[in-house]
PDB file of N, CA and C in Angstrom:
ATOM      1  N   MET A   1       0.834  -1.168   0.000  1.00  0.00           N
ATOM      2  CA  MET A   1       0.000   0.000   0.000  1.00  0.00           C
ATOM      3  C   MET A   1       0.885   1.239   0.000  1.00  0.00           C
ATOM      4  N   LYS A   2       0.746   2.075  -0.990  1.00  0.00           N
ATOM      5  CA  LYS A   2       1.506   3.318  -1.065  1.00  0.00           C
ATOM      6  C   LYS A   2       0.618   4.461  -0.600  1.00  0.00           C
ATOM      7  N   LEU A   3       1.149   5.250   0.308  1.00  0.00           N
ATOM      8  CA  LEU A   3       0.432   6.408   0.827  1.00  0.00           C
ATOM      9  C   LEU A   3       1.204   7.672   0.505  1.00  0.00           C
ATOM     10  N   THR A   4       0.482   8.754   0.353  1.00  0.00           N
ATOM     11  CA  THR A   4       1.117  10.049   0.133  1.00  0.00           C
ATOM     12  C   THR A   4       1.309  10.740   1.481  1.00  0.00           C
ATOM     13  N   LEU A   5       2.115  11.794   1.483  1.00  0.00           N
ATOM     14  CA  LEU A   5       2.313  12.557   2.709  1.00  0.00           C
ATOM     15  C   LEU A   5       0.995  13.152   3.198  1.00  0.00           C
ATOM     16  N   GLY A   6       0.137  13.577   2.279  1.00  0.00           N
ATOM     17  CA  GLY A   6      -1.175  14.118   2.649  1.00  0.00           C
ATOM     18  C   GLY A   6      -2.041  13.073   3.333  1.00  0.00           C
ATOM     19  N   GLN A   7      -2.010  11.841   2.849  1.00  0.00           N
ATOM     20  CA  GLN A   7      -2.785  10.765   3.471  1.00  0.00           C
ATOM     21  C   GLN A   7      -2.250  10.435   4.867  1.00  0.00           C
ATOM     22  N   ILE A   8      -0.937  10.429   5.013  1.00  0.00           N
ATOM     23  CA  ILE A   8      -0.324  10.183   6.319  1.00  0.00           C
ATOM     24  C   ILE A   8      -0.699  11.312   7.274  1.00  0.00           C
ATOM     25  N   GLN A   9      -0.601  12.540   6.802  1.00  0.00           N
ATOM     26  CA  GLN A   9      -0.949  13.686   7.635  1.00  0.00           C
ATOM     27  C   GLN A   9      -2.390  13.575   8.126  1.00  0.00           C
ATOM     28  N   SER A  10      -3.287  13.232   7.244  1.00  0.00           N
ATOM     29  CA  SER A  10      -4.698  13.098   7.597  1.00  0.00           C
ATOM     30  C   SER A  10      -4.921  11.963   8.593  1.00  0.00           C
ATOM     31  N   ALA A  11      -4.293  10.828   8.360  1.00  0.00           N
ATOM     32  CA  ALA A  11      -4.462   9.671   9.246  1.00  0.00           C
ATOM     33  C   ALA A  11      -3.941   9.952  10.650  1.00  0.00           C
ATOM     34  N   MET A  12      -2.898  10.777  10.754  1.00  0.00           N
ATOM     35  CA  MET A  12      -2.314  11.095  12.057  1.00  0.00           C
ATOM     36  C   MET A  12      -3.023  12.256  12.742  1.00  0.00           C
ATOM     37  N   GLY A  13      -3.920  12.922  12.030  1.00  0.00           N
ATOM     38  CA  GLY A  13      -4.583  14.084  12.591  1.00  0.00           C
ATOM     39  C   GLY A  13      -3.648  15.273  12.718  1.00  0.00           C
ATOM     40  N   ALA A  14      -2.593  15.260  11.921  1.00  0.00           N
ATOM     41  CA  ALA A  14      -1.604  16.339  11.963  1.00  0.00           C
ATOM     42  C   ALA A  14      -2.115  17.542  11.179  1.00  0.00           C
ATOM     43  N   VAL A  15      -1.580  18.692  11.489  1.00  0.00           N
ATOM     44  CA  VAL A  15      -1.956  19.905  10.779  1.00  0.00           C
ATOM     45  C   VAL A  15      -0.703  20.545  10.211  1.00  0.00           C
ATOM     46  N   GLY A  16      -0.884  21.290   9.164  1.00  0.00           N
ATOM     47  CA  GLY A  16       0.245  21.975   8.540  1.00  0.00           C
ATOM     48  C   GLY A  16       0.081  21.974   7.038  1.00  0.00           C
ATOM     49  N   PHE A  17       0.687  22.942   6.409  1.00  0.00           N
ATOM     50  CA  PHE A  17       0.602  23.087   4.967  1.00  0.00           C
ATOM     51  C   PHE A  17       1.709  22.293   4.296  1.00  0.00           C
ATOM     52  N   LEU A  18       1.337  21.366   3.429  1.00  0.00           N
ATOM     53  CA  LEU A  18       2.315  20.534   2.732  1.00  0.00           C
ATOM     54  C   LEU A  18       2.655  21.073   1.345  1.00  0.00           C
ATOM     55  N   GLY A  19       1.825  21.945   0.825  1.00  0.00           N
ATOM     56  CA  GLY A  19       2.072  22.496  -0.509  1.00  0.00           C
ATOM     57  C   GLY A  19       2.176  21.410  -1.560  1.00  0.00           C
ATOM     58  N   ASP A  20       3.180  21.508  -2.409  1.00  0.00           N
ATOM     59  CA  ASP A  20       3.381  20.542  -3.489  1.00  0.00           C
ATOM     60  C   ASP A  20       3.721  19.146  -2.971  1.00  0.00           C
ATOM     61  N   ALA A  21       4.157  19.045  -1.731  1.00  0.00           N
ATOM     62  CA  ALA A  21       4.561  17.752  -1.180  1.00  0.00           C
ATOM     63  C   ALA A  21       3.373  16.884  -0.775  1.00  0.00           C
ATOM     64  N   GLU A  22       2.161  17.430  -0.787  1.00  0.00           N
ATOM     65  CA  GLU A  22       0.985  16.683  -0.332  1.00  0.00           C
ATOM     66  C   GLU A  22       0.808  15.368  -1.087  1.00  0.00           C
ATOM     67  N   ASP A  23       1.082  15.359  -2.369  1.00  0.00           N
ATOM     68  CA  ASP A  23       0.891  14.154  -3.187  1.00  0.00           C
ATOM     69  C   ASP A  23       2.151  13.317  -3.313  1.00  0.00           C
ATOM     70  N   MET A  24       3.205  13.683  -2.594  1.00  0.00           N
ATOM     71  CA  MET A  24       4.470  12.948  -2.664  1.00  0.00           C
ATOM     72  C   MET A  24       4.338  11.589  -1.972  1.00  0.00           C
ATOM     73  N   ALA A  25       4.783  10.553  -2.655  1.00  0.00           N
ATOM     74  CA  ALA A  25       4.834   9.222  -2.055  1.00  0.00           C
ATOM     75  C   ALA A  25       6.256   8.989  -1.558  1.00  0.00           C
ATOM     76  N   PHE A  26       6.383   8.302  -0.460  1.00  0.00           N
ATOM     77  CA  PHE A  26       7.713   8.045   0.094  1.00  0.00           C
ATOM     78  C   PHE A  26       8.079   6.585  -0.126  1.00  0.00           C
ATOM     79  N   VAL A  27       9.378   6.281  -0.023  1.00  0.00           N
ATOM     80  CA  VAL A  27       9.858   4.939  -0.333  1.00  0.00           C
ATOM     81  C   VAL A  27      10.000   4.056   0.900  1.00  0.00           C
ATOM     82  N   GLY A  28       9.876   4.628   2.070  1.00  0.00           N
ATOM     83  CA  GLY A  28       9.988   3.862   3.315  1.00  0.00           C
ATOM     84  C   GLY A  28       9.924   4.816   4.494  1.00  0.00           C
ATOM     85  N   VAL A  29      10.037   4.273   5.676  1.00  0.00           N
ATOM     86  CA  VAL A  29      10.042   5.091   6.889  1.00  0.00           C
ATOM     87  C   VAL A  29      11.306   4.793   7.685  1.00  0.00           C
ATOM     88  N   GLN A  30      11.717   5.775   8.478  1.00  0.00           N
ATOM     89  CA  GLN A  30      12.936   5.616   9.258  1.00  0.00           C
ATOM     90  C   GLN A  30      12.833   6.432  10.540  1.00  0.00           C
ATOM     91  N   THR A  31      13.419   5.923  11.616  1.00  0.00           N
ATOM     92  CA  THR A  31      13.493   6.656  12.878  1.00  0.00           C
ATOM     93  C   THR A  31      14.933   6.985  13.241  1.00  0.00           C
ATOM     94  N   ASP A  32      15.888   6.539  12.437  1.00  0.00           N
ATOM     95  CA  ASP A  32      17.308   6.770  12.699  1.00  0.00           C
ATOM     96  C   ASP A  32      17.891   7.585  11.545  1.00  0.00           C
ATOM     97  N   SER A  33      18.196   8.847  11.809  1.00  0.00           N
ATOM     98  CA  SER A  33      18.684   9.728  10.742  1.00  0.00           C
ATOM     99  C   SER A  33      20.028   9.282  10.186  1.00  0.00           C
ATOM    100  N   ARG A  34      20.762   8.471  10.939  1.00  0.00           N
ATOM    101  CA  ARG A  34      22.089   8.028  10.486  1.00  0.00           C
ATOM    102  C   ARG A  34      22.016   7.024   9.346  1.00  0.00           C
ATOM    103  N   VAL A  35      20.917   6.289   9.237  1.00  0.00           N
ATOM    104  CA  VAL A  35      20.793   5.270   8.185  1.00  0.00           C
ATOM    105  C   VAL A  35      19.691   5.594   7.188  1.00  0.00           C
ATOM    106  N   LEU A  36      19.122   6.776   7.289  1.00  0.00           N
ATOM    107  CA  LEU A  36      18.034   7.201   6.424  1.00  0.00           C
ATOM    108  C   LEU A  36      18.472   7.230   4.968  1.00  0.00           C
ATOM    109  N   LYS A  37      17.595   6.801   4.078  1.00  0.00           N
ATOM    110  CA  LYS A  37      17.854   6.846   2.637  1.00  0.00           C
ATOM    111  C   LYS A  37      16.985   7.933   2.022  1.00  0.00           C
ATOM    112  N   ARG A  38      17.479   8.534   0.942  1.00  0.00           N
ATOM    113  CA  ARG A  38      16.744   9.584   0.244  1.00  0.00           C
ATOM    114  C   ARG A  38      15.329   9.088  -0.095  1.00  0.00           C
ATOM    115  N   GLY A  39      14.335   9.934   0.198  1.00  0.00           N
ATOM    116  CA  GLY A  39      12.943   9.618  -0.118  1.00  0.00           C
ATOM    117  C   GLY A  39      12.190   8.938   1.007  1.00  0.00           C
ATOM    118  N   GLU A  40      12.865   8.635   2.119  1.00  0.00           N
ATOM    119  CA  GLU A  40      12.169   8.015   3.255  1.00  0.00           C
ATOM    120  C   GLU A  40      11.518   9.098   4.119  1.00  0.00           C
ATOM    121  N   LEU A  41      10.497   8.696   4.846  1.00  0.00           N
ATOM    122  CA  LEU A  41       9.791   9.572   5.770  1.00  0.00           C
ATOM    123  C   LEU A  41      10.396   9.377   7.154  1.00  0.00           C
ATOM    124  N   PHE A  42      10.860  10.463   7.767  1.00  0.00           N
ATOM    125  CA  PHE A  42      11.529  10.400   9.063  1.00  0.00           C
ATOM    126  C   PHE A  42      10.537  10.680  10.184  1.00  0.00           C
ATOM    127  N   PHE A  43      10.470   9.772  11.154  1.00  0.00           N
ATOM    128  CA  PHE A  43       9.640   9.958  12.340  1.00  0.00           C
ATOM    129  C   PHE A  43      10.533  10.273  13.527  1.00  0.00           C
ATOM    130  N   CYS A  44      10.231  11.359  14.217  1.00  0.00           N
ATOM    131  CA  CYS A  44      10.988  11.773  15.410  1.00  0.00           C
ATOM    132  C   CYS A  44      10.436  11.025  16.616  1.00  0.00           C
ATOM    133  N   ILE A  45      11.232  10.134  17.158  1.00  0.00           N
ATOM    134  CA  ILE A  45      10.848   9.359  18.336  1.00  0.00           C
ATOM    135  C   ILE A  45      11.631   9.889  19.533  1.00  0.00           C
ATOM    136  N   SER A  46      10.952  10.072  20.649  1.00  0.00           N
ATOM    137  CA  SER A  46      11.612  10.537  21.870  1.00  0.00           C
ATOM    138  C   SER A  46      11.692   9.412  22.880  1.00  0.00           C
ATOM    139  N   GLY A  47      12.805   9.372  23.600  1.00  0.00           N
ATOM    140  CA  GLY A  47      13.009   8.371  24.640  1.00  0.00           C
ATOM    141  C   GLY A  47      13.619   9.009  25.872  1.00  0.00           C
ATOM    142  N   ASP A  48      14.010   8.193  26.819  1.00  0.00           N
ATOM    143  CA  ASP A  48      14.605   8.699  28.050  1.00  0.00           C
ATOM    144  C   ASP A  48      15.959   9.361  27.811  1.00  0.00           C
ATOM    145  N   ARG A  49      16.700   8.878  26.794  1.00  0.00           N
ATOM    146  CA  ARG A  49      18.061   9.380  26.565  1.00  0.00           C
ATOM    147  C   ARG A  49      18.227  10.149  25.263  1.00  0.00           C
ATOM    148  N   PHE A  50      17.163  10.329  24.499  1.00  0.00           N
ATOM    149  CA  PHE A  50      17.290  11.023  23.213  1.00  0.00           C
ATOM    150  C   PHE A  50      15.955  11.636  22.811  1.00  0.00           C
ATOM    151  N   ASP A  51      16.025  12.547  21.874  1.00  0.00           N
ATOM    152  CA  ASP A  51      14.828  13.162  21.295  1.00  0.00           C
ATOM    153  C   ASP A  51      15.052  13.263  19.795  1.00  0.00           C
ATOM    154  N   GLY A  52      14.311  12.506  19.037  1.00  0.00           N
ATOM    155  CA  GLY A  52      14.472  12.477  17.593  1.00  0.00           C
ATOM    156  C   GLY A  52      14.298  13.823  16.923  1.00  0.00           C
ATOM    157  N   HIS A  53      13.596  14.752  17.575  1.00  0.00           N
ATOM    158  CA  HIS A  53      13.430  16.087  17.000  1.00  0.00           C
ATOM    159  C   HIS A  53      14.785  16.783  16.825  1.00  0.00           C
ATOM    160  N   ASN A  54      15.762  16.404  17.636  1.00  0.00           N
ATOM    161  CA  ASN A  54      17.105  16.980  17.515  1.00  0.00           C
ATOM    162  C   ASN A  54      17.804  16.550  16.226  1.00  0.00           C
ATOM    163  N   PHE A  55      17.277  15.536  15.554  1.00  0.00           N
ATOM    164  CA  PHE A  55      17.911  14.990  14.352  1.00  0.00           C
ATOM    165  C   PHE A  55      17.094  15.255  13.088  1.00  0.00           C
ATOM    166  N   ALA A  56      16.008  16.021  13.202  1.00  0.00           N
ATOM    167  CA  ALA A  56      15.132  16.284  12.063  1.00  0.00           C
ATOM    168  C   ALA A  56      15.877  17.024  10.950  1.00  0.00           C
ATOM    169  N   LYS A  57      16.683  18.015  11.312  1.00  0.00           N
ATOM    170  CA  LYS A  57      17.426  18.779  10.298  1.00  0.00           C
ATOM    171  C   LYS A  57      18.400  17.862   9.558  1.00  0.00           C
ATOM    172  N   ALA A  58      19.094  16.999  10.290  1.00  0.00           N
ATOM    173  CA  ALA A  58      20.022  16.064   9.655  1.00  0.00           C
ATOM    174  C   ALA A  58      19.288  15.112   8.727  1.00  0.00           C
ATOM    175  N   ALA A  59      18.093  14.684   9.121  1.00  0.00           N
ATOM    176  CA  ALA A  59      17.297  13.782   8.278  1.00  0.00           C
ATOM    177  C   ALA A  59      16.924  14.470   6.966  1.00  0.00           C
ATOM    178  N   LEU A  60      16.520  15.731   7.042  1.00  0.00           N
ATOM    179  CA  LEU A  60      16.183  16.467   5.816  1.00  0.00           C
ATOM    180  C   LEU A  60      17.414  16.651   4.932  1.00  0.00           C
ATOM    181  N   GLN A  61      18.549  16.912   5.552  1.00  0.00           N
ATOM    182  CA  GLN A  61      19.791  17.068   4.778  1.00  0.00           C
ATOM    183  C   GLN A  61      20.195  15.770   4.087  1.00  0.00           C
ATOM    184  N   ARG A  62      19.819  14.636   4.666  1.00  0.00           N
ATOM    185  CA  ARG A  62      20.130  13.342   4.052  1.00  0.00           C
ATOM    186  C   ARG A  62      19.106  12.931   3.006  1.00  0.00           C
ATOM    187  N   GLY A  63      18.046  13.750   2.826  1.00  0.00           N
ATOM    188  CA  GLY A  63      17.082  13.487   1.771  1.00  0.00           C
ATOM    189  C   GLY A  63      15.734  12.974   2.211  1.00  0.00           C
ATOM    190  N   ALA A  64      15.423  13.100   3.494  1.00  0.00           N
ATOM    191  CA  ALA A  64      14.096  12.680   3.969  1.00  0.00           C
ATOM    192  C   ALA A  64      13.029  13.506   3.243  1.00  0.00           C
ATOM    193  N   CYS A  65      11.914  12.880   2.925  1.00  0.00           N
ATOM    194  CA  CYS A  65      10.850  13.610   2.233  1.00  0.00           C
ATOM    195  C   CYS A  65       9.961  14.323   3.234  1.00  0.00           C
ATOM    196  N   GLY A  66      10.130  14.063   4.481  1.00  0.00           N
ATOM    197  CA  GLY A  66       9.336  14.738   5.502  1.00  0.00           C
ATOM    198  C   GLY A  66       9.627  14.193   6.870  1.00  0.00           C
TER     199      GLY A  66
END
């Protein structure tokens, strides 16, 4: 099943303007910015010793689609 960023946004109840990216399909998902591949969707996961939001910029620089 291939989903677009707009469909993911809607399913999660997230808000925000996606612009042209709304219809973008991604090739996979990742929670580790160090192994992320171009076109994957990065999810920021927080834990006791880390916060994935601190790695969002690095994920985008590595080619995350969102």
